Amino acid sequence: MLNNIGLPGILLIAVVVLVLFGRGKISSLMGEVGKGITSFKKGINEGKAELENAAAEDAHDVTPHAEKDKA
């Protein structure tokens, strides 16, 4: 159904949305979307760093358990 929209259809939808909501409302909405994307990326990077730190800690301790008990 949406395969045949094309450029004129997208422009018409954009004009209708602009008329209904106004420039200020759309601008603030896009700002909030940008903040949400930034927050999501920050969370992904923090999670990745946490996993890398956990893997580095596991890799650092390579002493077999039997030698730990003797020491």
PDB file of N, CA and C in Angstrom:
ATOM      1  N   MET A   1       0.818  -1.188   0.000  1.00  0.00           N
ATOM      2  CA  MET A   1       0.000   0.000   0.000  1.00  0.00           C
ATOM      3  C   MET A   1       0.868   1.261   0.000  1.00  0.00           C
ATOM      4  N   LEU A   2       1.923   1.264   0.805  1.00  0.00           N
ATOM      5  CA  LEU A   2       2.779   2.441   0.898  1.00  0.00           C
ATOM      6  C   LEU A   2       3.883   2.456  -0.146  1.00  0.00           C
ATOM      7  N   ASN A   3       3.899   1.483  -1.024  1.00  0.00           N
ATOM      8  CA  ASN A   3       4.940   1.411  -2.045  1.00  0.00           C
ATOM      9  C   ASN A   3       4.809   2.497  -3.099  1.00  0.00           C
ATOM     10  N   ASN A   4       3.623   3.049  -3.296  1.00  0.00           N
ATOM     11  CA  ASN A   4       3.375   3.988  -4.383  1.00  0.00           C
ATOM     12  C   ASN A   4       3.229   5.437  -3.906  1.00  0.00           C
ATOM     13  N   ILE A   5       3.712   5.777  -2.723  1.00  0.00           N
ATOM     14  CA  ILE A   5       3.538   7.145  -2.224  1.00  0.00           C
ATOM     15  C   ILE A   5       4.330   8.119  -3.080  1.00  0.00           C
ATOM     16  N   GLY A   6       5.605   7.930  -3.210  1.00  0.00           N
ATOM     17  CA  GLY A   6       6.435   8.800  -4.038  1.00  0.00           C
ATOM     18  C   GLY A   6       6.683  10.154  -3.386  1.00  0.00           C
ATOM     19  N   LEU A   7       7.448  10.982  -4.057  1.00  0.00           N
ATOM     20  CA  LEU A   7       7.823  12.301  -3.544  1.00  0.00           C
ATOM     21  C   LEU A   7       6.626  13.239  -3.386  1.00  0.00           C
ATOM     22  N   PRO A   8       5.710  13.322  -4.353  1.00  0.00           N
ATOM     23  CA  PRO A   8       4.563  14.228  -4.162  1.00  0.00           C
ATOM     24  C   PRO A   8       3.702  13.851  -2.947  1.00  0.00           C
ATOM     25  N   GLY A   9       3.526  12.576  -2.713  1.00  0.00           N
ATOM     26  CA  GLY A   9       2.743  12.139  -1.561  1.00  0.00           C
ATOM     27  C   GLY A   9       3.418  12.487  -0.246  1.00  0.00           C
ATOM     28  N   ILE A  10       4.732  12.302  -0.194  1.00  0.00           N
ATOM     29  CA  ILE A  10       5.479  12.636   1.025  1.00  0.00           C
ATOM     30  C   ILE A  10       5.425  14.140   1.284  1.00  0.00           C
ATOM     31  N   LEU A  11       5.551  14.943   0.234  1.00  0.00           N
ATOM     32  CA  LEU A  11       5.460  16.399   0.389  1.00  0.00           C
ATOM     33  C   LEU A  11       4.075  16.820   0.865  1.00  0.00           C
ATOM     34  N   LEU A  12       3.041  16.208   0.349  1.00  0.00           N
ATOM     35  CA  LEU A  12       1.683  16.515   0.778  1.00  0.00           C
ATOM     36  C   LEU A  12       1.490  16.175   2.255  1.00  0.00           C
ATOM     37  N   ILE A  13       1.976  15.027   2.669  1.00  0.00           N
ATOM     38  CA  ILE A  13       1.878  14.629   4.081  1.00  0.00           C
ATOM     39  C   ILE A  13       2.643  15.616   4.960  1.00  0.00           C
ATOM     40  N   ALA A  14       3.837  16.034   4.534  1.00  0.00           N
ATOM     41  CA  ALA A  14       4.630  16.989   5.305  1.00  0.00           C
ATOM     42  C   ALA A  14       3.911  18.324   5.450  1.00  0.00           C
ATOM     43  N   VAL A  15       3.277  18.793   4.394  1.00  0.00           N
ATOM     44  CA  VAL A  15       2.544  20.064   4.451  1.00  0.00           C
ATOM     45  C   VAL A  15       1.348  19.946   5.390  1.00  0.00           C
ATOM     46  N   VAL A  16       0.627  18.845   5.322  1.00  0.00           N
ATOM     47  CA  VAL A  16      -0.530  18.650   6.199  1.00  0.00           C
ATOM     48  C   VAL A  16      -0.092  18.608   7.665  1.00  0.00           C
ATOM     49  N   VAL A  17       0.986  17.899   7.947  1.00  0.00           N
ATOM     50  CA  VAL A  17       1.487  17.826   9.322  1.00  0.00           C
ATOM     51  C   VAL A  17       1.932  19.203   9.802  1.00  0.00           C
ATOM     52  N   LEU A  18       2.595  19.960   8.946  1.00  0.00           N
ATOM     53  CA  LEU A  18       3.040  21.304   9.299  1.00  0.00           C
ATOM     54  C   LEU A  18       1.860  22.214   9.590  1.00  0.00           C
ATOM     55  N   VAL A  19       0.816  22.122   8.807  1.00  0.00           N
ATOM     56  CA  VAL A  19      -0.374  22.959   9.017  1.00  0.00           C
ATOM     57  C   VAL A  19      -1.078  22.551  10.307  1.00  0.00           C
ATOM     58  N   LEU A  20      -1.194  21.268  10.567  1.00  0.00           N
ATOM     59  CA  LEU A  20      -1.916  20.803  11.754  1.00  0.00           C
ATOM     60  C   LEU A  20      -1.174  21.130  13.052  1.00  0.00           C
ATOM     61  N   PHE A  21       0.121  20.924  13.082  1.00  0.00           N
ATOM     62  CA  PHE A  21       0.849  21.049  14.335  1.00  0.00           C
ATOM     63  C   PHE A  21       1.629  22.350  14.465  1.00  0.00           C
ATOM     64  N   GLY A  22       1.967  22.984  13.388  1.00  0.00           N
ATOM     65  CA  GLY A  22       2.735  24.223  13.460  1.00  0.00           C
ATOM     66  C   GLY A  22       4.223  23.948  13.551  1.00  0.00           C
ATOM     67  N   ARG A  23       4.994  24.962  13.175  1.00  0.00           N
ATOM     68  CA  ARG A  23       6.438  24.795  13.119  1.00  0.00           C
ATOM     69  C   ARG A  23       7.064  24.612  14.504  1.00  0.00           C
ATOM     70  N   GLY A  24       6.572  25.330  15.490  1.00  0.00           N
ATOM     71  CA  GLY A  24       7.148  25.248  16.842  1.00  0.00           C
ATOM     72  C   GLY A  24       6.984  23.886  17.466  1.00  0.00           C
ATOM     73  N   LYS A  25       5.805  23.310  17.315  1.00  0.00           N
ATOM     74  CA  LYS A  25       5.532  21.997  17.908  1.00  0.00           C
ATOM     75  C   LYS A  25       6.389  20.916  17.244  1.00  0.00           C
ATOM     76  N   ILE A  26       6.520  20.974  15.924  1.00  0.00           N
ATOM     77  CA  ILE A  26       7.327  19.987  15.205  1.00  0.00           C
ATOM     78  C   ILE A  26       8.798  20.142  15.584  1.00  0.00           C
ATOM     79  N   SER A  27       9.253  21.394  15.732  1.00  0.00           N
ATOM     80  CA  SER A  27      10.644  21.642  16.109  1.00  0.00           C
ATOM     81  C   SER A  27      10.951  21.068  17.484  1.00  0.00           C
ATOM     82  N   SER A  28      10.055  21.290  18.439  1.00  0.00           N
ATOM     83  CA  SER A  28      10.296  20.761  19.784  1.00  0.00           C
ATOM     84  C   SER A  28      10.216  19.234  19.789  1.00  0.00           C
ATOM     85  N   LEU A  29       9.340  18.678  18.990  1.00  0.00           N
ATOM     86  CA  LEU A  29       9.221  17.223  18.904  1.00  0.00           C
ATOM     87  C   LEU A  29      10.498  16.605  18.335  1.00  0.00           C
ATOM     88  N   MET A  30      11.049  17.205  17.298  1.00  0.00           N
ATOM     89  CA  MET A  30      12.290  16.687  16.708  1.00  0.00           C
ATOM     90  C   MET A  30      13.456  16.834  17.692  1.00  0.00           C
ATOM     91  N   GLY A  31      13.448  17.903  18.500  1.00  0.00           N
ATOM     92  CA  GLY A  31      14.473  18.051  19.526  1.00  0.00           C
ATOM     93  C   GLY A  31      14.414  16.930  20.549  1.00  0.00           C
ATOM     94  N   GLU A  32      13.201  16.564  20.944  1.00  0.00           N
ATOM     95  CA  GLU A  32      13.022  15.472  21.903  1.00  0.00           C
ATOM     96  C   GLU A  32      13.441  14.133  21.294  1.00  0.00           C
ATOM     97  N   VAL A  33      13.148  13.949  20.030  1.00  0.00           N
ATOM     98  CA  VAL A  33      13.566  12.711  19.346  1.00  0.00           C
ATOM     99  C   VAL A  33      15.092  12.637  19.314  1.00  0.00           C
ATOM    100  N   GLY A  34      15.741  13.758  19.025  1.00  0.00           N
ATOM    101  CA  GLY A  34      17.207  13.803  19.012  1.00  0.00           C
ATOM    102  C   GLY A  34      17.796  13.483  20.368  1.00  0.00           C
ATOM    103  N   LYS A  35      17.200  14.033  21.436  1.00  0.00           N
ATOM    104  CA  LYS A  35      17.676  13.743  22.791  1.00  0.00           C
ATOM    105  C   LYS A  35      17.504  12.264  23.125  1.00  0.00           C
ATOM    106  N   GLY A  36      16.394  11.689  22.686  1.00  0.00           N
ATOM    107  CA  GLY A  36      16.154  10.266  22.936  1.00  0.00           C
ATOM    108  C   GLY A  36      17.161   9.384  22.223  1.00  0.00           C
ATOM    109  N   ILE A  37      17.483   9.722  20.993  1.00  0.00           N
ATOM    110  CA  ILE A  37      18.472   8.951  20.235  1.00  0.00           C
ATOM    111  C   ILE A  37      19.841   9.059  20.884  1.00  0.00           C
ATOM    112  N   THR A  38      20.198  10.281  21.321  1.00  0.00           N
ATOM    113  CA  THR A  38      21.484  10.481  21.991  1.00  0.00           C
ATOM    114  C   THR A  38      21.564   9.666  23.280  1.00  0.00           C
ATOM    115  N   SER A  39      20.482   9.676  24.054  1.00  0.00           N
ATOM    116  CA  SER A  39      20.448   8.909  25.299  1.00  0.00           C
ATOM    117  C   SER A  39      20.548   7.412  25.027  1.00  0.00           C
ATOM    118  N   PHE A  40      19.888   6.947  23.990  1.00  0.00           N
ATOM    119  CA  PHE A  40      19.943   5.527  23.629  1.00  0.00           C
ATOM    120  C   PHE A  40      21.362   5.119  23.252  1.00  0.00           C
ATOM    121  N   LYS A  41      22.019   5.934  22.427  1.00  0.00           N
ATOM    122  CA  LYS A  41      23.395   5.628  22.023  1.00  0.00           C
ATOM    123  C   LYS A  41      24.331   5.632  23.220  1.00  0.00           C
ATOM    124  N   LYS A  42      24.126   6.571  24.149  1.00  0.00           N
ATOM    125  CA  LYS A  42      24.961   6.636  25.353  1.00  0.00           C
ATOM    126  C   LYS A  42      24.779   5.377  26.194  1.00  0.00           C
ATOM    127  N   GLY A  43      23.544   4.925  26.328  1.00  0.00           N
ATOM    128  CA  GLY A  43      23.268   3.698  27.078  1.00  0.00           C
ATOM    129  C   GLY A  43      23.899   2.483  26.437  1.00  0.00           C
ATOM    130  N   ILE A  44      23.846   2.406  25.120  1.00  0.00           N
ATOM    131  CA  ILE A  44      24.465   1.291  24.400  1.00  0.00           C
ATOM    132  C   ILE A  44      25.971   1.285  24.634  1.00  0.00           C
ATOM    133  N   ASN A  45      26.593   2.460  24.536  1.00  0.00           N
ATOM    134  CA  ASN A  45      28.049   2.547  24.729  1.00  0.00           C
ATOM    135  C   ASN A  45      28.446   2.204  26.162  1.00  0.00           C
ATOM    136  N   GLU A  46      27.653   2.646  27.144  1.00  0.00           N
ATOM    137  CA  GLU A  46      27.956   2.313  28.538  1.00  0.00           C
ATOM    138  C   GLU A  46      27.813   0.811  28.785  1.00  0.00           C
ATOM    139  N   GLY A  47      26.793   0.196  28.213  1.00  0.00           N
ATOM    140  CA  GLY A  47      26.616  -1.239  28.359  1.00  0.00           C
ATOM    141  C   GLY A  47      27.745  -2.019  27.715  1.00  0.00           C
ATOM    142  N   LYS A  48      28.183  -1.553  26.547  1.00  0.00           N
ATOM    143  CA  LYS A  48      29.289  -2.212  25.860  1.00  0.00           C
ATOM    144  C   LYS A  48      30.569  -2.098  26.690  1.00  0.00           C
ATOM    145  N   ALA A  49      30.815  -0.908  27.269  1.00  0.00           N
ATOM    146  CA  ALA A  49      32.008  -0.711  28.091  1.00  0.00           C
ATOM    147  C   ALA A  49      31.958  -1.593  29.340  1.00  0.00           C
ATOM    148  N   GLU A  50      30.780  -1.729  29.924  1.00  0.00           N
ATOM    149  CA  GLU A  50      30.631  -2.579  31.108  1.00  0.00           C
ATOM    150  C   GLU A  50      30.927  -4.041  30.775  1.00  0.00           C
ATOM    151  N   LEU A  51      30.441  -4.507  29.635  1.00  0.00           N
ATOM    152  CA  LEU A  51      30.715  -5.886  29.222  1.00  0.00           C
ATOM    153  C   LEU A  51      32.201  -6.093  28.928  1.00  0.00           C
ATOM    154  N   GLU A  52      32.830  -5.111  28.300  1.00  0.00           N
ATOM    155  CA  GLU A  52      34.260  -5.221  28.011  1.00  0.00           C
ATOM    156  C   GLU A  52      35.078  -5.235  29.301  1.00  0.00           C
ATOM    157  N   ASN A  53      34.697  -4.427  30.290  1.00  0.00           N
ATOM    158  CA  ASN A  53      35.403  -4.413  31.570  1.00  0.00           C
ATOM    159  C   ASN A  53      35.245  -5.742  32.297  1.00  0.00           C
ATOM    160  N   ALA A  54      34.044  -6.313  32.249  1.00  0.00           N
ATOM    161  CA  ALA A  54      33.817  -7.610  32.890  1.00  0.00           C
ATOM    162  C   ALA A  54      34.645  -8.698  32.201  1.00  0.00           C
ATOM    163  N   ALA A  55      34.722  -8.647  30.883  1.00  0.00           N
ATOM    164  CA  ALA A  55      35.514  -9.637  30.152  1.00  0.00           C
ATOM    165  C   ALA A  55      36.999  -9.457  30.451  1.00  0.00           C
ATOM    166  N   ALA A  56      37.452  -8.213  30.601  1.00  0.00           N
ATOM    167  CA  ALA A  56      38.861  -7.961  30.911  1.00  0.00           C
ATOM    168  C   ALA A  56      39.202  -8.474  32.309  1.00  0.00           C
ATOM    169  N   GLU A  57      38.294  -8.317  33.266  1.00  0.00           N
ATOM    170  CA  GLU A  57      38.533  -8.826  34.622  1.00  0.00           C
ATOM    171  C   GLU A  57      38.597 -10.351  34.624  1.00  0.00           C
ATOM    172  N   ASP A  58      37.716 -10.991  33.849  1.00  0.00           N
ATOM    173  CA  ASP A  58      37.734 -12.453  33.769  1.00  0.00           C
ATOM    174  C   ASP A  58      39.016 -12.942  33.099  1.00  0.00           C
ATOM    175  N   ALA A  59      39.483 -12.234  32.101  1.00  0.00           N
ATOM    176  CA  ALA A  59      40.697 -12.633  31.390  1.00  0.00           C
ATOM    177  C   ALA A  59      41.941 -12.371  32.234  1.00  0.00           C
ATOM    178  N   HIS A  60      41.887 -11.408  33.121  1.00  0.00           N
ATOM    179  CA  HIS A  60      43.044 -11.060  33.949  1.00  0.00           C
ATOM    180  C   HIS A  60      43.373 -12.174  34.936  1.00  0.00           C
ATOM    181  N   ASP A  61      42.370 -12.815  35.501  1.00  0.00           N
ATOM    182  CA  ASP A  61      42.575 -13.873  36.491  1.00  0.00           C
ATOM    183  C   ASP A  61      42.678 -15.203  35.766  1.00  0.00           C
ATOM    184  N   VAL A  62      43.922 -15.625  35.451  1.00  0.00           N
ATOM    185  CA  VAL A  62      44.131 -16.876  34.726  1.00  0.00           C
ATOM    186  C   VAL A  62      44.764 -17.955  35.607  1.00  0.00           C
ATOM    187  N   THR A  63      44.868 -17.706  36.889  1.00  0.00           N
ATOM    188  CA  THR A  63      45.440 -18.679  37.812  1.00  0.00           C
ATOM    189  C   THR A  63      44.488 -19.843  37.992  1.00  0.00           C
ATOM    190  N   PRO A  64      44.940 -21.072  37.832  1.00  0.00           N
ATOM    191  CA  PRO A  64      44.061 -22.215  38.065  1.00  0.00           C
ATOM    192  C   PRO A  64      43.621 -22.266  39.532  1.00  0.00           C
ATOM    193  N   HIS A  65      42.457 -22.828  39.782  1.00  0.00           N
ATOM    194  CA  HIS A  65      41.911 -22.869  41.129  1.00  0.00           C
ATOM    195  C   HIS A  65      42.762 -23.700  42.069  1.00  0.00           C
ATOM    196  N   ALA A  66      43.415 -24.747  41.613  1.00  0.00           N
ATOM    197  CA  ALA A  66      44.226 -25.607  42.468  1.00  0.00           C
ATOM    198  C   ALA A  66      45.425 -24.830  43.021  1.00  0.00           C
ATOM    199  N   GLU A  67      46.044 -23.984  42.216  1.00  0.00           N
ATOM    200  CA  GLU A  67      47.204 -23.215  42.683  1.00  0.00           C
ATOM    201  C   GLU A  67      46.779 -22.134  43.653  1.00  0.00           C
ATOM    202  N   LYS A  68      45.592 -21.605  43.506  1.00  0.00           N
ATOM    203  CA  LYS A  68      45.108 -20.574  44.439  1.00  0.00           C
ATOM    204  C   LYS A  68      44.945 -21.182  45.835  1.00  0.00           C
ATOM    205  N   ASP A  69      44.432 -22.416  45.922  1.00  0.00           N
ATOM    206  CA  ASP A  69      44.201 -23.048  47.198  1.00  0.00           C
ATOM    207  C   ASP A  69      45.514 -23.387  47.929  1.00  0.00           C
ATOM    208  N   LYS A  70      46.575 -23.701  47.186  1.00  0.00           N
ATOM    209  CA  LYS A  70      47.855 -24.046  47.802  1.00  0.00           C
ATOM    210  C   LYS A  70      48.558 -22.814  48.349  1.00  0.00           C
ATOM    211  N   ALA A  71      48.358 -21.652  47.746  1.00  0.00           N
ATOM    212  CA  ALA A  71      49.083 -20.453  48.146  1.00  0.00           C
ATOM    213  C   ALA A  71      48.553 -19.822  49.388  1.00  0.00           C
TER     214      ALA A  71
END
